[in-house]
Amino acid sequence: MGYRILADENVEQATINYLRKLDHDVEWIGDVKKLGLGADDKSIAAHGRETDRLVLTQDDDFFTRMAVEDTAGILFQSDQTLSAREVGAIVHELSEYVDQSDEWVSPGTLPGEFLLIG
């Protein structure tokens, strides 16, 4: 079962395309009229929550400057050296084992509904 994802502006288009190819429902903030490029994190988190989409991002502000309750969940890519295919494969494998509606904590013991990728 694929994830519903809101990809932040720092997510490569190749990652978005690969996730879509793997049957994930991915929306890029640049394509969301009420957001667009340069949207603030709170607006991105609110849109993700309202549309039940996990925010895929490389921006650590999503878990250092806001409450977990403000999001539908965060997929945080800490290793920016990962290729688009690697990020897509990691997210896809997670979706095979962890349902989007489950509450989960990363192996890195981040609080709340966060998952550390890479």
N, C-alpha and C. Protein backbone atom coordinates (compact mmCIF):
# COMPACT_ATOMS: atom_id res chain seq x y z
N MET A 1 0.85 -1.18 0.00
CA MET A 1 0.00 0.00 0.00
C MET A 1 0.89 1.24 0.00
N GLY A 2 0.70 2.11 -0.94
CA GLY A 2 1.54 3.29 -1.07
C GLY A 2 1.16 4.38 -0.07
N TYR A 3 2.12 5.25 0.17
CA TYR A 3 1.90 6.40 1.05
C TYR A 3 1.31 7.56 0.26
N ARG A 4 0.62 8.43 0.98
CA ARG A 4 0.21 9.74 0.47
C ARG A 4 1.27 10.70 0.98
N ILE A 5 1.99 11.34 0.06
CA ILE A 5 3.17 12.13 0.42
C ILE A 5 3.04 13.55 -0.12
N LEU A 6 3.48 14.50 0.69
CA LEU A 6 3.65 15.88 0.27
C LEU A 6 5.14 16.13 0.24
N ALA A 7 5.70 16.27 -0.94
CA ALA A 7 7.15 16.45 -1.09
C ALA A 7 7.51 17.93 -0.97
N ASP A 8 8.42 18.22 -0.05
CA ASP A 8 8.92 19.57 0.16
C ASP A 8 9.73 20.00 -1.07
N GLU A 9 10.00 21.29 -1.17
CA GLU A 9 10.71 21.80 -2.35
C GLU A 9 12.13 21.29 -2.46
N ASN A 10 12.71 20.78 -1.36
CA ASN A 10 14.08 20.28 -1.41
C ASN A 10 14.17 18.83 -1.87
N VAL A 11 13.05 18.21 -2.17
CA VAL A 11 13.03 16.83 -2.66
C VAL A 11 13.22 16.84 -4.17
N GLU A 12 14.17 16.05 -4.64
CA GLU A 12 14.47 15.99 -6.07
C GLU A 12 13.27 15.50 -6.89
N GLN A 13 13.09 16.07 -8.06
CA GLN A 13 12.01 15.64 -8.95
C GLN A 13 12.16 14.17 -9.31
N ALA A 14 13.38 13.69 -9.42
CA ALA A 14 13.61 12.28 -9.73
C ALA A 14 13.08 11.38 -8.61
N THR A 15 13.20 11.83 -7.37
CA THR A 15 12.65 11.06 -6.24
C THR A 15 11.13 11.02 -6.34
N ILE A 16 10.53 12.16 -6.62
CA ILE A 16 9.07 12.23 -6.76
C ILE A 16 8.60 11.31 -7.87
N ASN A 17 9.26 11.37 -9.01
CA ASN A 17 8.89 10.52 -10.15
C ASN A 17 9.02 9.04 -9.80
N TYR A 18 10.10 8.69 -9.12
CA TYR A 18 10.32 7.28 -8.76
C TYR A 18 9.25 6.81 -7.77
N LEU A 19 8.91 7.63 -6.79
CA LEU A 19 7.87 7.25 -5.84
C LEU A 19 6.53 7.08 -6.54
N ARG A 20 6.23 7.94 -7.49
CA ARG A 20 4.99 7.81 -8.26
C ARG A 20 4.99 6.51 -9.06
N LYS A 21 6.13 6.18 -9.63
CA LYS A 21 6.26 4.93 -10.39
C LYS A 21 5.99 3.72 -9.50
N LEU A 22 6.33 3.86 -8.22
CA LEU A 22 6.10 2.78 -7.24
C LEU A 22 4.70 2.85 -6.63
N ASP A 23 3.81 3.64 -7.23
CA ASP A 23 2.40 3.77 -6.84
C ASP A 23 2.15 4.51 -5.54
N HIS A 24 3.04 5.45 -5.21
CA HIS A 24 2.77 6.34 -4.09
C HIS A 24 2.08 7.59 -4.64
N ASP A 25 1.18 8.14 -3.86
CA ASP A 25 0.44 9.35 -4.26
C ASP A 25 1.25 10.55 -3.77
N VAL A 26 2.04 11.14 -4.66
CA VAL A 26 2.96 12.21 -4.28
C VAL A 26 2.50 13.54 -4.86
N GLU A 27 2.39 14.51 -3.98
CA GLU A 27 2.07 15.88 -4.37
C GLU A 27 3.29 16.73 -4.03
N TRP A 28 3.76 17.54 -4.96
CA TRP A 28 4.91 18.42 -4.73
C TRP A 28 4.40 19.80 -4.37
N ILE A 29 5.00 20.45 -3.37
CA ILE A 29 4.47 21.74 -2.92
C ILE A 29 4.47 22.79 -4.03
N GLY A 30 5.36 22.66 -4.99
CA GLY A 30 5.38 23.60 -6.11
C GLY A 30 4.15 23.52 -6.98
N ASP A 31 3.43 22.40 -6.91
CA ASP A 31 2.21 22.21 -7.69
C ASP A 31 0.94 22.53 -6.90
N VAL A 32 1.10 22.87 -5.62
CA VAL A 32 -0.06 23.16 -4.77
C VAL A 32 -0.25 24.68 -4.74
N LYS A 33 -1.33 25.15 -5.34
CA LYS A 33 -1.54 26.60 -5.50
C LYS A 33 -1.46 27.36 -4.18
N LYS A 34 -2.01 26.81 -3.11
CA LYS A 34 -2.01 27.56 -1.85
C LYS A 34 -0.66 27.50 -1.13
N LEU A 35 0.27 26.71 -1.64
CA LEU A 35 1.60 26.63 -1.05
C LEU A 35 2.64 27.27 -1.97
N GLY A 36 3.08 26.53 -2.97
CA GLY A 36 4.10 27.03 -3.89
C GLY A 36 5.48 27.00 -3.28
N LEU A 37 6.47 27.29 -4.10
CA LEU A 37 7.86 27.32 -3.63
C LEU A 37 8.03 28.44 -2.62
N GLY A 38 8.80 28.18 -1.59
CA GLY A 38 9.04 29.18 -0.56
C GLY A 38 7.98 29.19 0.54
N ALA A 39 7.02 28.26 0.47
CA ALA A 39 5.99 28.20 1.51
C ALA A 39 6.63 27.94 2.86
N ASP A 40 6.06 28.54 3.91
CA ASP A 40 6.62 28.34 5.25
C ASP A 40 6.25 26.94 5.76
N ASP A 41 7.07 26.46 6.68
CA ASP A 41 6.92 25.09 7.19
C ASP A 41 5.56 24.84 7.83
N LYS A 42 5.04 25.82 8.55
CA LYS A 42 3.74 25.64 9.21
C LYS A 42 2.62 25.44 8.18
N SER A 43 2.68 26.16 7.08
CA SER A 43 1.67 26.00 6.02
C SER A 43 1.80 24.63 5.35
N ILE A 44 3.03 24.20 5.15
CA ILE A 44 3.27 22.87 4.55
C ILE A 44 2.74 21.79 5.48
N ALA A 45 3.07 21.89 6.77
CA ALA A 45 2.60 20.91 7.75
C ALA A 45 1.08 20.89 7.83
N ALA A 46 0.45 22.07 7.81
CA ALA A 46 -1.01 22.16 7.88
C ALA A 46 -1.65 21.50 6.66
N HIS A 47 -1.10 21.78 5.47
CA HIS A 47 -1.64 21.17 4.25
C HIS A 47 -1.48 19.65 4.31
N GLY A 48 -0.34 19.18 4.78
CA GLY A 48 -0.13 17.74 4.92
C GLY A 48 -1.16 17.13 5.85
N ARG A 49 -1.40 17.78 6.97
CA ARG A 49 -2.38 17.29 7.94
C ARG A 49 -3.79 17.30 7.34
N GLU A 50 -4.15 18.40 6.68
CA GLU A 50 -5.50 18.53 6.10
C GLU A 50 -5.76 17.52 4.99
N THR A 51 -4.72 17.15 4.26
CA THR A 51 -4.88 16.21 3.13
C THR A 51 -4.36 14.82 3.45
N ASP A 52 -4.01 14.59 4.71
CA ASP A 52 -3.50 13.29 5.17
C ASP A 52 -2.30 12.83 4.35
N ARG A 53 -1.30 13.71 4.28
CA ARG A 53 -0.07 13.40 3.55
C ARG A 53 1.13 13.52 4.47
N LEU A 54 2.01 12.54 4.40
CA LEU A 54 3.29 12.61 5.11
C LEU A 54 4.17 13.62 4.38
N VAL A 55 4.86 14.46 5.11
CA VAL A 55 5.77 15.43 4.50
C VAL A 55 7.14 14.77 4.33
N LEU A 56 7.59 14.67 3.10
CA LEU A 56 8.94 14.18 2.80
C LEU A 56 9.83 15.39 2.65
N THR A 57 10.88 15.47 3.49
CA THR A 57 11.70 16.67 3.52
C THR A 57 13.12 16.37 3.97
N GLN A 58 14.01 17.32 3.69
CA GLN A 58 15.37 17.31 4.22
C GLN A 58 15.54 18.43 5.25
N ASP A 59 14.45 19.10 5.56
CA ASP A 59 14.44 20.26 6.44
C ASP A 59 14.14 19.83 7.88
N ASP A 60 15.13 19.92 8.76
CA ASP A 60 14.94 19.46 10.14
C ASP A 60 14.05 20.39 10.97
N ASP A 61 13.68 21.54 10.44
CA ASP A 61 12.76 22.42 11.15
C ASP A 61 11.42 21.74 11.43
N PHE A 62 11.06 20.76 10.63
CA PHE A 62 9.78 20.08 10.82
C PHE A 62 9.71 19.32 12.14
N PHE A 63 10.84 18.99 12.72
CA PHE A 63 10.76 18.35 14.03
C PHE A 63 11.52 19.10 15.11
N THR A 64 12.15 20.19 14.78
CA THR A 64 12.81 20.99 15.81
C THR A 64 12.01 22.23 16.17
N ARG A 65 11.11 22.66 15.29
CA ARG A 65 10.38 23.92 15.53
C ARG A 65 8.87 23.79 15.54
N MET A 66 8.35 22.57 15.47
CA MET A 66 6.89 22.43 15.52
C MET A 66 6.50 21.14 16.22
N ALA A 67 5.27 21.09 16.68
CA ALA A 67 4.76 19.92 17.40
C ALA A 67 4.35 18.84 16.40
N VAL A 68 4.50 17.61 16.82
CA VAL A 68 4.12 16.48 15.99
C VAL A 68 2.65 16.58 15.59
N GLU A 69 1.83 17.06 16.49
CA GLU A 69 0.40 17.16 16.22
C GLU A 69 0.08 18.10 15.06
N ASP A 70 1.02 18.95 14.69
CA ASP A 70 0.82 19.89 13.59
C ASP A 70 0.99 19.23 12.23
N THR A 71 1.35 17.96 12.20
CA THR A 71 1.63 17.27 10.94
C THR A 71 0.84 15.97 10.85
N ALA A 72 0.82 15.39 9.67
CA ALA A 72 0.27 14.05 9.49
C ALA A 72 1.39 13.02 9.62
N GLY A 73 2.62 13.50 9.80
CA GLY A 73 3.81 12.66 9.89
C GLY A 73 4.91 13.23 9.02
N ILE A 74 6.13 12.90 9.37
CA ILE A 74 7.29 13.41 8.66
C ILE A 74 8.18 12.25 8.21
N LEU A 75 8.60 12.29 6.98
CA LEU A 75 9.64 11.41 6.47
C LEU A 75 10.85 12.30 6.28
N PHE A 76 11.79 12.22 7.18
CA PHE A 76 12.94 13.12 7.16
C PHE A 76 14.15 12.40 6.58
N GLN A 77 14.71 12.97 5.55
CA GLN A 77 15.90 12.44 4.90
C GLN A 77 17.11 13.19 5.43
N SER A 78 17.83 12.58 6.36
CA SER A 78 18.98 13.26 6.95
C SER A 78 20.22 13.18 6.06
N ASP A 79 20.35 12.10 5.32
CA ASP A 79 21.52 11.90 4.47
C ASP A 79 21.22 12.45 3.08
N GLN A 80 21.74 13.62 2.80
CA GLN A 80 21.46 14.27 1.52
C GLN A 80 22.31 13.73 0.38
N THR A 81 23.15 12.74 0.67
CA THR A 81 23.96 12.12 -0.39
C THR A 81 23.24 10.95 -1.04
N LEU A 82 22.07 10.56 -0.50
CA LEU A 82 21.33 9.45 -1.09
C LEU A 82 20.80 9.84 -2.46
N SER A 83 20.82 8.90 -3.37
CA SER A 83 20.27 9.14 -4.70
C SER A 83 18.74 9.13 -4.64
N ALA A 84 18.13 9.66 -5.68
CA ALA A 84 16.68 9.66 -5.77
C ALA A 84 16.12 8.24 -5.66
N ARG A 85 16.77 7.32 -6.33
CA ARG A 85 16.33 5.92 -6.29
C ARG A 85 16.46 5.33 -4.89
N GLU A 86 17.53 5.68 -4.19
CA GLU A 86 17.72 5.17 -2.82
C GLU A 86 16.63 5.71 -1.88
N VAL A 87 16.36 7.00 -1.98
CA VAL A 87 15.31 7.59 -1.14
C VAL A 87 13.97 6.93 -1.45
N GLY A 88 13.65 6.81 -2.73
CA GLY A 88 12.40 6.17 -3.14
C GLY A 88 12.30 4.74 -2.65
N ALA A 89 13.40 4.00 -2.76
CA ALA A 89 13.39 2.60 -2.32
C ALA A 89 13.19 2.50 -0.81
N ILE A 90 13.80 3.39 -0.05
CA ILE A 90 13.64 3.38 1.41
C ILE A 90 12.19 3.68 1.78
N VAL A 91 11.63 4.73 1.19
CA VAL A 91 10.24 5.08 1.49
C VAL A 91 9.31 3.94 1.09
N HIS A 92 9.54 3.36 -0.07
CA HIS A 92 8.70 2.27 -0.54
C HIS A 92 8.79 1.06 0.40
N GLU A 93 9.99 0.72 0.81
CA GLU A 93 10.14 -0.42 1.73
C GLU A 93 9.43 -0.14 3.05
N LEU A 94 9.51 1.08 3.55
CA LEU A 94 8.79 1.44 4.78
C LEU A 94 7.30 1.21 4.60
N SER A 95 6.78 1.59 3.44
CA SER A 95 5.35 1.46 3.21
C SER A 95 4.90 0.00 3.19
N GLU A 96 5.83 -0.90 2.91
CA GLU A 96 5.51 -2.33 2.92
C GLU A 96 5.33 -2.86 4.33
N TYR A 97 5.93 -2.20 5.32
CA TYR A 97 5.91 -2.69 6.70
C TYR A 97 5.15 -1.79 7.67
N VAL A 98 5.07 -0.49 7.37
CA VAL A 98 4.45 0.45 8.29
C VAL A 98 3.33 1.18 7.57
N ASP A 99 2.10 0.97 8.03
CA ASP A 99 0.96 1.66 7.44
C ASP A 99 1.04 3.15 7.76
N GLN A 100 0.60 3.98 6.86
CA GLN A 100 0.67 5.42 7.05
C GLN A 100 -0.08 5.86 8.29
N SER A 101 -1.14 5.17 8.66
CA SER A 101 -1.94 5.57 9.81
C SER A 101 -1.35 5.13 11.14
N ASP A 102 -0.33 4.27 11.12
CA ASP A 102 0.31 3.82 12.35
C ASP A 102 1.14 4.93 12.96
N GLU A 103 1.26 4.92 14.28
CA GLU A 103 2.20 5.82 14.95
C GLU A 103 3.51 5.06 15.06
N TRP A 104 4.60 5.72 14.71
CA TRP A 104 5.89 5.04 14.75
C TRP A 104 6.99 6.01 15.11
N VAL A 105 8.05 5.44 15.60
CA VAL A 105 9.22 6.22 16.00
C VAL A 105 10.41 5.64 15.27
N SER A 106 11.30 6.50 14.85
CA SER A 106 12.45 6.05 14.08
C SER A 106 13.42 5.26 14.93
N PRO A 107 14.30 4.49 14.27
CA PRO A 107 15.37 3.82 14.99
C PRO A 107 16.28 4.82 15.70
N GLY A 108 16.28 6.06 15.26
CA GLY A 108 17.08 7.11 15.89
C GLY A 108 16.41 7.71 17.11
N THR A 109 15.29 7.12 17.54
CA THR A 109 14.52 7.53 18.72
C THR A 109 14.07 8.98 18.71
N LEU A 110 13.69 9.47 17.56
CA LEU A 110 13.09 10.80 17.48
C LEU A 110 11.70 10.72 18.10
N PRO A 111 11.26 11.76 18.79
CA PRO A 111 9.95 11.71 19.44
C PRO A 111 8.80 11.80 18.45
N GLY A 112 7.70 11.15 18.77
CA GLY A 112 6.47 11.30 18.00
C GLY A 112 6.43 10.51 16.73
N GLU A 113 5.77 11.07 15.71
CA GLU A 113 5.55 10.38 14.45
C GLU A 113 6.61 10.73 13.42
N PHE A 114 7.86 10.60 13.77
CA PHE A 114 8.93 10.92 12.86
C PHE A 114 9.67 9.67 12.45
N LEU A 115 10.20 9.70 11.27
CA LEU A 115 11.01 8.60 10.80
C LEU A 115 12.25 9.17 10.16
N LEU A 116 13.36 8.68 10.56
CA LEU A 116 14.63 9.14 10.03
C LEU A 116 15.04 8.26 8.87
N ILE A 117 15.25 8.86 7.71
CA ILE A 117 15.69 8.12 6.54
C ILE A 117 17.16 8.40 6.33
N GLY A 118 17.94 7.36 6.28
CA GLY A 118 19.36 7.51 5.98
C GLY A 118 20.23 7.84 7.10
